[in-house]
């Protein structure tokens, strides 16, 4: 028997089928503009993350380096791309949510 969630629109078109994989959020972390990490046991599935930025561009010069994430069974970590040559870098901040499928 298949278990999960299916949602159809008013016309009967399937718009969500979560019968094969359903993610579980295991935690979140605030990403503040500098490298960081969060230990978490993500060994009971396939790890995933979703970054929710506070903003995309803080000023007109577009000097907004994004975080670069690495995730594995032991947790999640992030670094920022190089700010070399930037006059006034303003790293993108936000929240990262992580879990397993």
PDB file of N, CA and C in Angstrom:
ATOM      1  N   UNK A   1       0.839  -1.179   0.000  1.00  0.00           N
ATOM      2  CA  UNK A   1       0.000   0.000   0.000  1.00  0.00           C
ATOM      3  C   UNK A   1       0.882   1.240   0.000  1.00  0.00           C
ATOM      4  N   UNK A   2       0.560   2.177  -0.859  1.00  0.00           N
ATOM      5  CA  UNK A   2       1.294   3.442  -0.935  1.00  0.00           C
ATOM      6  C   UNK A   2       0.813   4.369   0.168  1.00  0.00           C
ATOM      7  N   UNK A   3       1.764   5.044   0.806  1.00  0.00           N
ATOM      8  CA  UNK A   3       1.422   6.025   1.833  1.00  0.00           C
ATOM      9  C   UNK A   3       2.039   7.351   1.443  1.00  0.00           C
ATOM     10  N   UNK A   4       1.360   8.427   1.752  1.00  0.00           N
ATOM     11  CA  UNK A   4       1.882   9.736   1.418  1.00  0.00           C
ATOM     12  C   UNK A   4       0.769  10.745   1.271  1.00  0.00           C
ATOM     13  N   UNK A   5       1.013  11.740   0.472  1.00  0.00           N
ATOM     14  CA  UNK A   5       0.061  12.830   0.286  1.00  0.00           C
ATOM     15  C   UNK A   5      -0.048  13.144  -1.196  1.00  0.00           C
ATOM     16  N   UNK A   6      -1.285  13.240  -1.671  1.00  0.00           N
ATOM     17  CA  UNK A   6      -1.547  13.661  -3.049  1.00  0.00           C
ATOM     18  C   UNK A   6      -2.585  14.774  -3.009  1.00  0.00           C
ATOM     19  N   UNK A   7      -2.350  15.817  -3.817  1.00  0.00           N
ATOM     20  CA  UNK A   7      -3.273  16.947  -3.878  1.00  0.00           C
ATOM     21  C   UNK A   7      -3.582  17.230  -5.342  1.00  0.00           C
ATOM     22  N   UNK A   8      -4.881  17.386  -5.636  1.00  0.00           N
ATOM     23  CA  UNK A   8      -5.346  17.707  -6.979  1.00  0.00           C
ATOM     24  C   UNK A   8      -5.971  19.093  -6.963  1.00  0.00           C
ATOM     25  N   UNK A   9      -5.912  19.793  -8.094  1.00  0.00           N
ATOM     26  CA  UNK A   9      -6.596  21.082  -8.184  1.00  0.00           C
ATOM     27  C   UNK A   9      -8.062  20.858  -8.548  1.00  0.00           C
ATOM     28  N   UNK A  10      -8.806  21.946  -8.722  1.00  0.00           N
ATOM     29  CA  UNK A  10     -10.243  21.851  -8.994  1.00  0.00           C
ATOM     30  C   UNK A  10     -10.548  21.143 -10.307  1.00  0.00           C
ATOM     31  N   UNK A  11      -9.598  21.126 -11.248  1.00  0.00           N
ATOM     32  CA  UNK A  11      -9.792  20.455 -12.534  1.00  0.00           C
ATOM     33  C   UNK A  11      -9.381  18.992 -12.507  1.00  0.00           C
ATOM     34  N   UNK A  12      -8.977  18.492 -11.348  1.00  0.00           N
ATOM     35  CA  UNK A  12      -8.576  17.095 -11.229  1.00  0.00           C
ATOM     36  C   UNK A  12      -7.144  16.822 -11.632  1.00  0.00           C
ATOM     37  N   UNK A  13      -6.333  17.863 -11.779  1.00  0.00           N
ATOM     38  CA  UNK A  13      -4.937  17.698 -12.154  1.00  0.00           C
ATOM     39  C   UNK A  13      -4.099  17.527 -10.879  1.00  0.00           C
ATOM     40  N   UNK A  14      -3.300  16.493 -10.857  1.00  0.00           N
ATOM     41  CA  UNK A  14      -2.435  16.233  -9.720  1.00  0.00           C
ATOM     42  C   UNK A  14      -1.361  17.322  -9.637  1.00  0.00           C
ATOM     43  N   UNK A  15      -1.309  18.066  -8.516  1.00  0.00           N
ATOM     44  CA  UNK A  15      -0.337  19.150  -8.380  1.00  0.00           C
ATOM     45  C   UNK A  15       0.728  18.849  -7.331  1.00  0.00           C
ATOM     46  N   UNK A  16       0.493  17.863  -6.462  1.00  0.00           N
ATOM     47  CA  UNK A  16       1.510  17.442  -5.503  1.00  0.00           C
ATOM     48  C   UNK A  16       1.383  15.950  -5.299  1.00  0.00           C
ATOM     49  N   UNK A  17       2.506  15.245  -5.443  1.00  0.00           N
ATOM     50  CA  UNK A  17       2.539  13.812  -5.195  1.00  0.00           C
ATOM     51  C   UNK A  17       3.725  13.518  -4.292  1.00  0.00           C
ATOM     52  N   UNK A  18       3.464  13.376  -3.016  1.00  0.00           N
ATOM     53  CA  UNK A  18       4.516  13.104  -2.036  1.00  0.00           C
ATOM     54  C   UNK A  18       4.397  11.684  -1.510  1.00  0.00           C
ATOM     55  N   UNK A  19       4.098  10.753  -2.395  1.00  0.00           N
ATOM     56  CA  UNK A  19       3.934   9.368  -1.964  1.00  0.00           C
ATOM     57  C   UNK A  19       5.242   8.598  -1.959  1.00  0.00           C
ATOM     58  N   UNK A  20       6.260   9.112  -2.652  1.00  0.00           N
ATOM     59  CA  UNK A  20       7.509   8.363  -2.714  1.00  0.00           C
ATOM     60  C   UNK A  20       8.586   8.933  -1.796  1.00  0.00           C
ATOM     61  N   UNK A  21       8.584  10.259  -1.568  1.00  0.00           N
ATOM     62  CA  UNK A  21       9.585  10.870  -0.696  1.00  0.00           C
ATOM     63  C   UNK A  21       8.930  12.021   0.056  1.00  0.00           C
ATOM     64  N   UNK A  22       9.158  12.038   1.325  1.00  0.00           N
ATOM     65  CA  UNK A  22       8.637  13.106   2.147  1.00  0.00           C
ATOM     66  C   UNK A  22       9.758  13.563   3.070  1.00  0.00           C
ATOM     67  N   UNK A  23      10.164  14.809   2.939  1.00  0.00           N
ATOM     68  CA  UNK A  23      11.272  15.321   3.733  1.00  0.00           C
ATOM     69  C   UNK A  23      10.883  15.590   5.172  1.00  0.00           C
ATOM     70  N   UNK A  24      11.864  15.417   6.058  1.00  0.00           N
ATOM     71  CA  UNK A  24      11.681  15.735   7.475  1.00  0.00           C
ATOM     72  C   UNK A  24      12.712  16.780   7.853  1.00  0.00           C
ATOM     73  N   UNK A  25      12.250  17.913   8.329  1.00  0.00           N
ATOM     74  CA  UNK A  25      13.151  18.964   8.797  1.00  0.00           C
ATOM     75  C   UNK A  25      13.747  18.513  10.128  1.00  0.00           C
ATOM     76  N   UNK A  26      15.082  18.542  10.225  1.00  0.00           N
ATOM     77  CA  UNK A  26      15.766  18.144  11.454  1.00  0.00           C
ATOM     78  C   UNK A  26      16.231  19.351  12.266  1.00  0.00           C
ATOM     79  N   UNK A  27      16.334  20.517  11.614  1.00  0.00           N
ATOM     80  CA  UNK A  27      16.777  21.698  12.335  1.00  0.00           C
ATOM     81  C   UNK A  27      16.964  22.881  11.405  1.00  0.00           C
ATOM     82  N   UNK A  28      17.412  23.985  11.991  1.00  0.00           N
ATOM     83  CA  UNK A  28      17.703  25.176  11.208  1.00  0.00           C
ATOM     84  C   UNK A  28      18.845  25.927  11.859  1.00  0.00           C
ATOM     85  N   UNK A  29      19.418  26.837  11.118  1.00  0.00           N
ATOM     86  CA  UNK A  29      20.535  27.644  11.632  1.00  0.00           C
ATOM     87  C   UNK A  29      20.458  29.032  11.008  1.00  0.00           C
ATOM     88  N   UNK A  30      20.886  29.996  11.770  1.00  0.00           N
ATOM     89  CA  UNK A  30      20.978  31.360  11.266  1.00  0.00           C
ATOM     90  C   UNK A  30      22.324  31.521  10.566  1.00  0.00           C
ATOM     91  N   UNK A  31      22.317  32.022   9.350  1.00  0.00           N
ATOM     92  CA  UNK A  31      23.524  32.256   8.567  1.00  0.00           C
ATOM     93  C   UNK A  31      23.759  33.759   8.584  1.00  0.00           C
ATOM     94  N   UNK A  32      24.839  34.192   9.223  1.00  0.00           N
ATOM     95  CA  UNK A  32      25.033  35.604   9.548  1.00  0.00           C
ATOM     96  C   UNK A  32      26.100  36.337   8.735  1.00  0.00           C
ATOM     97  N   UNK A  33      26.621  35.744   7.682  1.00  0.00           N
ATOM     98  CA  UNK A  33      27.599  36.445   6.867  1.00  0.00           C
ATOM     99  C   UNK A  33      29.025  35.974   7.062  1.00  0.00           C
ATOM    100  N   UNK A  34      29.221  34.922   7.852  1.00  0.00           N
ATOM    101  CA  UNK A  34      30.549  34.348   8.038  1.00  0.00           C
ATOM    102  C   UNK A  34      30.407  32.832   8.083  1.00  0.00           C
ATOM    103  N   UNK A  35      31.513  32.138   7.917  1.00  0.00           N
ATOM    104  CA  UNK A  35      31.493  30.668   7.872  1.00  0.00           C
ATOM    105  C   UNK A  35      30.940  30.103   9.178  1.00  0.00           C
ATOM    106  N   UNK A  36      30.266  28.958   9.060  1.00  0.00           N
ATOM    107  CA  UNK A  36      29.710  28.312  10.243  1.00  0.00           C
ATOM    108  C   UNK A  36      29.373  26.865   9.963  1.00  0.00           C
ATOM    109  N   UNK A  37      28.884  26.191  10.985  1.00  0.00           N
ATOM    110  CA  UNK A  37      28.505  24.787  10.859  1.00  0.00           C
ATOM    111  C   UNK A  37      27.509  24.433  11.942  1.00  0.00           C
ATOM    112  N   UNK A  38      26.758  23.386  11.702  1.00  0.00           N
ATOM    113  CA  UNK A  38      25.798  22.880  12.670  1.00  0.00           C
ATOM    114  C   UNK A  38      25.862  21.359  12.612  1.00  0.00           C
ATOM    115  N   UNK A  39      26.207  20.752  13.729  1.00  0.00           N
ATOM    116  CA  UNK A  39      26.246  19.291  13.788  1.00  0.00           C
ATOM    117  C   UNK A  39      24.815  18.764  13.903  1.00  0.00           C
ATOM    118  N   UNK A  40      24.520  17.705  13.164  1.00  0.00           N
ATOM    119  CA  UNK A  40      23.200  17.086  13.203  1.00  0.00           C
ATOM    120  C   UNK A  40      23.315  15.660  12.690  1.00  0.00           C
ATOM    121  N   UNK A  41      22.513  14.765  13.249  1.00  0.00           N
ATOM    122  CA  UNK A  41      22.496  13.388  12.767  1.00  0.00           C
ATOM    123  C   UNK A  41      21.547  13.309  11.575  1.00  0.00           C
ATOM    124  N   UNK A  42      22.126  13.274  10.386  1.00  0.00           N
ATOM    125  CA  UNK A  42      21.355  13.173   9.154  1.00  0.00           C
ATOM    126  C   UNK A  42      21.611  11.838   8.469  1.00  0.00           C
ATOM    127  N   UNK A  43      21.953  10.830   9.266  1.00  0.00           N
ATOM    128  CA  UNK A  43      22.337   9.529   8.720  1.00  0.00           C
ATOM    129  C   UNK A  43      21.146   8.633   8.398  1.00  0.00           C
ATOM    130  N   UNK A  44      19.929   9.050   8.735  1.00  0.00           N
ATOM    131  CA  UNK A  44      18.774   8.179   8.524  1.00  0.00           C
ATOM    132  C   UNK A  44      18.003   8.502   7.243  1.00  0.00           C
ATOM    133  N   UNK A  45      18.685   9.061   6.258  1.00  0.00           N
ATOM    134  CA  UNK A  45      18.058   9.356   4.979  1.00  0.00           C
ATOM    135  C   UNK A  45      19.013  10.117   4.079  1.00  0.00           C
ATOM    136  N   UNK A  46      18.467  10.693   3.023  1.00  0.00           N
ATOM    137  CA  UNK A  46      19.253  11.521   2.110  1.00  0.00           C
ATOM    138  C   UNK A  46      19.180  12.971   2.583  1.00  0.00           C
ATOM    139  N   UNK A  47      20.312  13.562   2.988  1.00  0.00           N
ATOM    140  CA  UNK A  47      20.273  14.933   3.507  1.00  0.00           C
ATOM    141  C   UNK A  47      19.886  15.958   2.438  1.00  0.00           C
ATOM    142  N   UNK A  48      19.173  17.001   2.857  1.00  0.00           N
ATOM    143  CA  UNK A  48      18.841  18.120   1.991  1.00  0.00           C
ATOM    144  C   UNK A  48      18.874  19.400   2.818  1.00  0.00           C
ATOM    145  N   UNK A  49      18.953  20.540   2.129  1.00  0.00           N
ATOM    146  CA  UNK A  49      18.851  21.826   2.810  1.00  0.00           C
ATOM    147  C   UNK A  49      18.081  22.807   1.937  1.00  0.00           C
ATOM    148  N   UNK A  50      17.574  23.843   2.571  1.00  0.00           N
ATOM    149  CA  UNK A  50      16.893  24.928   1.872  1.00  0.00           C
ATOM    150  C   UNK A  50      17.307  26.234   2.532  1.00  0.00           C
ATOM    151  N   UNK A  51      17.906  27.124   1.753  1.00  0.00           N
ATOM    152  CA  UNK A  51      18.355  28.417   2.272  1.00  0.00           C
ATOM    153  C   UNK A  51      17.302  29.471   1.968  1.00  0.00           C
ATOM    154  N   UNK A  52      16.895  30.206   2.993  1.00  0.00           N
ATOM    155  CA  UNK A  52      15.906  31.267   2.863  1.00  0.00           C
ATOM    156  C   UNK A  52      16.592  32.599   3.153  1.00  0.00           C
ATOM    157  N   UNK A  53      17.012  33.329   2.122  1.00  0.00           N
ATOM    158  CA  UNK A  53      17.774  34.557   2.334  1.00  0.00           C
ATOM    159  C   UNK A  53      16.912  35.697   2.869  1.00  0.00           C
ATOM    160  N   UNK A  54      17.553  36.569   3.644  1.00  0.00           N
ATOM    161  CA  UNK A  54      16.886  37.791   4.097  1.00  0.00           C
ATOM    162  C   UNK A  54      16.702  38.757   2.941  1.00  0.00           C
ATOM    163  N   UNK A  55      17.629  38.728   1.987  1.00  0.00           N
ATOM    164  CA  UNK A  55      17.607  39.608   0.827  1.00  0.00           C
ATOM    165  C   UNK A  55      18.454  38.970  -0.264  1.00  0.00           C
ATOM    166  N   UNK A  56      18.325  39.446  -1.468  1.00  0.00           N
ATOM    167  CA  UNK A  56      19.176  38.963  -2.544  1.00  0.00           C
ATOM    168  C   UNK A  56      20.252  39.975  -2.900  1.00  0.00           C
ATOM    169  N   UNK A  57      19.904  41.237  -2.877  1.00  0.00           N
ATOM    170  CA  UNK A  57      20.867  42.284  -3.194  1.00  0.00           C
ATOM    171  C   UNK A  57      20.698  43.389  -2.165  1.00  0.00           C
ATOM    172  N   UNK A  58      21.757  43.712  -1.440  1.00  0.00           N
ATOM    173  CA  UNK A  58      21.669  44.705  -0.369  1.00  0.00           C
ATOM    174  C   UNK A  58      21.946  46.117  -0.867  1.00  0.00           C
ATOM    175  N   UNK A  59      22.642  46.230  -1.979  1.00  0.00           N
ATOM    176  CA  UNK A  59      22.934  47.554  -2.509  1.00  0.00           C
ATOM    177  C   UNK A  59      23.191  47.468  -4.007  1.00  0.00           C
ATOM    178  N   UNK A  60      23.234  48.587  -4.646  1.00  0.00           N
ATOM    179  CA  UNK A  60      23.266  48.671  -6.104  1.00  0.00           C
ATOM    180  C   UNK A  60      24.514  48.048  -6.725  1.00  0.00           C
ATOM    181  N   UNK A  61      25.603  47.967  -5.986  1.00  0.00           N
ATOM    182  CA  UNK A  61      26.845  47.462  -6.581  1.00  0.00           C
ATOM    183  C   UNK A  61      26.874  45.943  -6.746  1.00  0.00           C
ATOM    184  N   UNK A  62      25.872  45.250  -6.228  1.00  0.00           N
ATOM    185  CA  UNK A  62      25.782  43.785  -6.340  1.00  0.00           C
ATOM    186  C   UNK A  62      26.949  43.059  -5.678  1.00  0.00           C
ATOM    187  N   UNK A  63      27.556  43.650  -4.692  1.00  0.00           N
ATOM    188  CA  UNK A  63      28.653  43.003  -3.972  1.00  0.00           C
ATOM    189  C   UNK A  63      28.077  42.217  -2.794  1.00  0.00           C
ATOM    190  N   UNK A  64      27.339  41.166  -3.131  1.00  0.00           N
ATOM    191  CA  UNK A  64      26.640  40.367  -2.131  1.00  0.00           C
ATOM    192  C   UNK A  64      27.013  38.895  -2.285  1.00  0.00           C
ATOM    193  N   UNK A  65      28.127  38.466  -1.701  1.00  0.00           N
ATOM    194  CA  UNK A  65      28.524  37.064  -1.845  1.00  0.00           C
ATOM    195  C   UNK A  65      27.540  36.129  -1.150  1.00  0.00           C
ATOM    196  N   UNK A  66      27.152  35.036  -1.820  1.00  0.00           N
ATOM    197  CA  UNK A  66      26.221  34.077  -1.226  1.00  0.00           C
ATOM    198  C   UNK A  66      26.954  33.025  -0.402  1.00  0.00           C
ATOM    199  N   UNK A  67      26.256  32.375   0.535  1.00  0.00           N
ATOM    200  CA  UNK A  67      26.855  31.258   1.252  1.00  0.00           C
ATOM    201  C   UNK A  67      26.922  30.026   0.352  1.00  0.00           C
ATOM    202  N   UNK A  68      27.942  29.217   0.566  1.00  0.00           N
ATOM    203  CA  UNK A  68      28.114  27.960  -0.168  1.00  0.00           C
ATOM    204  C   UNK A  68      28.005  26.845   0.861  1.00  0.00           C
ATOM    205  N   UNK A  69      27.010  25.968   0.707  1.00  0.00           N
ATOM    206  CA  UNK A  69      26.694  24.950   1.712  1.00  0.00           C
ATOM    207  C   UNK A  69      27.280  23.594   1.352  1.00  0.00           C
ATOM    208  N   UNK A  70      27.642  22.846   2.388  1.00  0.00           N
ATOM    209  CA  UNK A  70      28.053  21.451   2.277  1.00  0.00           C
ATOM    210  C   UNK A  70      27.255  20.681   3.323  1.00  0.00           C
ATOM    211  N   UNK A  71      26.630  19.592   2.906  1.00  0.00           N
ATOM    212  CA  UNK A  71      25.813  18.810   3.833  1.00  0.00           C
ATOM    213  C   UNK A  71      26.167  17.343   3.707  1.00  0.00           C
ATOM    214  N   UNK A  72      26.176  16.647   4.833  1.00  0.00           N
ATOM    215  CA  UNK A  72      26.417  15.201   4.832  1.00  0.00           C
ATOM    216  C   UNK A  72      25.712  14.598   6.041  1.00  0.00           C
ATOM    217  N   UNK A  73      25.969  13.342   6.326  1.00  0.00           N
ATOM    218  CA  UNK A  73      25.288  12.631   7.408  1.00  0.00           C
ATOM    219  C   UNK A  73      25.590  13.199   8.791  1.00  0.00           C
ATOM    220  N   UNK A  74      26.648  14.006   8.912  1.00  0.00           N
ATOM    221  CA  UNK A  74      27.034  14.545  10.218  1.00  0.00           C
ATOM    222  C   UNK A  74      26.569  15.972  10.460  1.00  0.00           C
ATOM    223  N   UNK A  75      26.003  16.623   9.450  1.00  0.00           N
ATOM    224  CA  UNK A  75      25.523  17.986   9.635  1.00  0.00           C
ATOM    225  C   UNK A  75      25.720  18.838   8.401  1.00  0.00           C
ATOM    226  N   UNK A  76      25.677  20.148   8.613  1.00  0.00           N
ATOM    227  CA  UNK A  76      25.769  21.104   7.516  1.00  0.00           C
ATOM    228  C   UNK A  76      26.793  22.176   7.869  1.00  0.00           C
ATOM    229  N   UNK A  77      27.507  22.649   6.866  1.00  0.00           N
ATOM    230  CA  UNK A  77      28.465  23.738   7.071  1.00  0.00           C
ATOM    231  C   UNK A  77      28.360  24.697   5.892  1.00  0.00           C
ATOM    232  N   UNK A  78      28.876  25.905   6.082  1.00  0.00           N
ATOM    233  CA  UNK A  78      28.834  26.888   5.017  1.00  0.00           C
ATOM    234  C   UNK A  78      30.027  27.824   5.097  1.00  0.00           C
ATOM    235  N   UNK A  79      30.403  28.300   3.939  1.00  0.00           N
ATOM    236  CA  UNK A  79      31.448  29.313   3.783  1.00  0.00           C
ATOM    237  C   UNK A  79      30.894  30.339   2.804  1.00  0.00           C
ATOM    238  N   UNK A  80      31.580  31.453   2.698  1.00  0.00           N
ATOM    239  CA  UNK A  80      31.171  32.476   1.738  1.00  0.00           C
ATOM    240  C   UNK A  80      32.201  32.567   0.627  1.00  0.00           C
ATOM    241  N   UNK A  81      31.717  32.885  -0.566  1.00  0.00           N
ATOM    242  CA  UNK A  81      32.637  33.062  -1.678  1.00  0.00           C
ATOM    243  C   UNK A  81      33.553  34.244  -1.383  1.00  0.00           C
ATOM    244  N   UNK A  82      34.639  34.316  -2.078  1.00  0.00           N
ATOM    245  CA  UNK A  82      35.663  35.332  -1.829  1.00  0.00           C
ATOM    246  C   UNK A  82      35.109  36.741  -1.993  1.00  0.00           C
ATOM    247  N   UNK A  83      35.555  37.618  -1.114  1.00  0.00           N
ATOM    248  CA  UNK A  83      35.187  39.041  -1.229  1.00  0.00           C
ATOM    249  C   UNK A  83      36.366  39.860  -1.745  1.00  0.00           C
ATOM    250  N   UNK A  84      37.399  39.185  -2.267  1.00  0.00           N
ATOM    251  CA  UNK A  84      38.576  39.876  -2.795  1.00  0.00           C
ATOM    252  C   UNK A  84      38.156  40.811  -3.932  1.00  0.00           C
ATOM    253  N   UNK A  85      38.628  42.018  -3.882  1.00  0.00           N
ATOM    254  CA  UNK A  85      38.334  42.995  -4.914  1.00  0.00           C
ATOM    255  C   UNK A  85      37.015  43.731  -4.727  1.00  0.00           C
ATOM    256  N   UNK A  86      36.252  43.366  -3.704  1.00  0.00           N
ATOM    257  CA  UNK A  86      34.996  44.057  -3.436  1.00  0.00           C
ATOM    258  C   UNK A  86      35.249  45.243  -2.515  1.00  0.00           C
ATOM    259  N   UNK A  87      34.708  46.383  -2.865  1.00  0.00           N
ATOM    260  CA  UNK A  87      34.904  47.586  -2.064  1.00  0.00           C
ATOM    261  C   UNK A  87      34.064  47.585  -0.796  1.00  0.00           C
ATOM    262  N   UNK A  88      32.843  47.083  -0.894  1.00  0.00           N
ATOM    263  CA  UNK A  88      31.925  47.118   0.238  1.00  0.00           C
ATOM    264  C   UNK A  88      31.053  45.863   0.221  1.00  0.00           C
ATOM    265  N   UNK A  89      31.642  44.690   0.499  1.00  0.00           N
ATOM    266  CA  UNK A  89      30.849  43.458   0.421  1.00  0.00           C
ATOM    267  C   UNK A  89      29.780  43.413   1.505  1.00  0.00           C
ATOM    268  N   UNK A  90      28.640  42.866   1.139  1.00  0.00           N
ATOM    269  CA  UNK A  90      27.530  42.708   2.058  1.00  0.00           C
ATOM    270  C   UNK A  90      26.992  41.287   1.883  1.00  0.00           C
ATOM    271  N   UNK A  91      27.548  40.301   2.603  1.00  0.00           N
ATOM    272  CA  UNK A  91      27.166  38.901   2.419  1.00  0.00           C
ATOM    273  C   UNK A  91      25.672  38.671   2.635  1.00  0.00           C
ATOM    274  N   UNK A  92      25.117  37.750   1.878  1.00  0.00           N
ATOM    275  CA  UNK A  92      23.709  37.396   2.006  1.00  0.00           C
ATOM    276  C   UNK A  92      23.520  36.594   3.291  1.00  0.00           C
ATOM    277  N   UNK A  93      22.575  37.014   4.112  1.00  0.00           N
ATOM    278  CA  UNK A  93      22.251  36.340   5.369  1.00  0.00           C
ATOM    279  C   UNK A  93      20.869  35.710   5.264  1.00  0.00           C
ATOM    280  N   UNK A  94      20.526  34.866   6.221  1.00  0.00           N
ATOM    281  CA  UNK A  94      19.207  34.243   6.233  1.00  0.00           C
ATOM    282  C   UNK A  94      19.195  33.024   7.134  1.00  0.00           C
ATOM    283  N   UNK A  95      18.254  32.145   6.873  1.00  0.00           N
ATOM    284  CA  UNK A  95      18.128  30.892   7.618  1.00  0.00           C
ATOM    285  C   UNK A  95      18.327  29.724   6.671  1.00  0.00           C
ATOM    286  N   UNK A  96      18.986  28.681   7.151  1.00  0.00           N
ATOM    287  CA  UNK A  96      19.083  27.436   6.397  1.00  0.00           C
ATOM    288  C   UNK A  96      18.334  26.369   7.192  1.00  0.00           C
ATOM    289  N   UNK A  97      17.477  25.654   6.501  1.00  0.00           N
ATOM    290  CA  UNK A  97      16.730  24.548   7.090  1.00  0.00           C
ATOM    291  C   UNK A  97      17.313  23.269   6.514  1.00  0.00           C
ATOM    292  N   UNK A  98      17.496  22.253   7.337  1.00  0.00           N
ATOM    293  CA  UNK A  98      18.094  21.010   6.856  1.00  0.00           C
ATOM    294  C   UNK A  98      17.343  19.813   7.421  1.00  0.00           C
ATOM    295  N   UNK A  99      17.432  18.712   6.682  1.00  0.00           N
ATOM    296  CA  UNK A  99      16.747  17.502   7.094  1.00  0.00           C
ATOM    297  C   UNK A  99      17.090  16.353   6.186  1.00  0.00           C
ATOM    298  N   UNK A 100      16.225  15.361   6.165  1.00  0.00           N
ATOM    299  CA  UNK A 100      16.447  14.162   5.339  1.00  0.00           C
ATOM    300  C   UNK A 100      15.171  13.780   4.609  1.00  0.00           C
ATOM    301  N   UNK A 101      15.365  13.131   3.450  1.00  0.00           N
ATOM    302  CA  UNK A 101      14.249  12.512   2.715  1.00  0.00           C
ATOM    303  C   UNK A 101      14.145  11.087   3.167  1.00  0.00           C
TER     304      UNK A 101
END
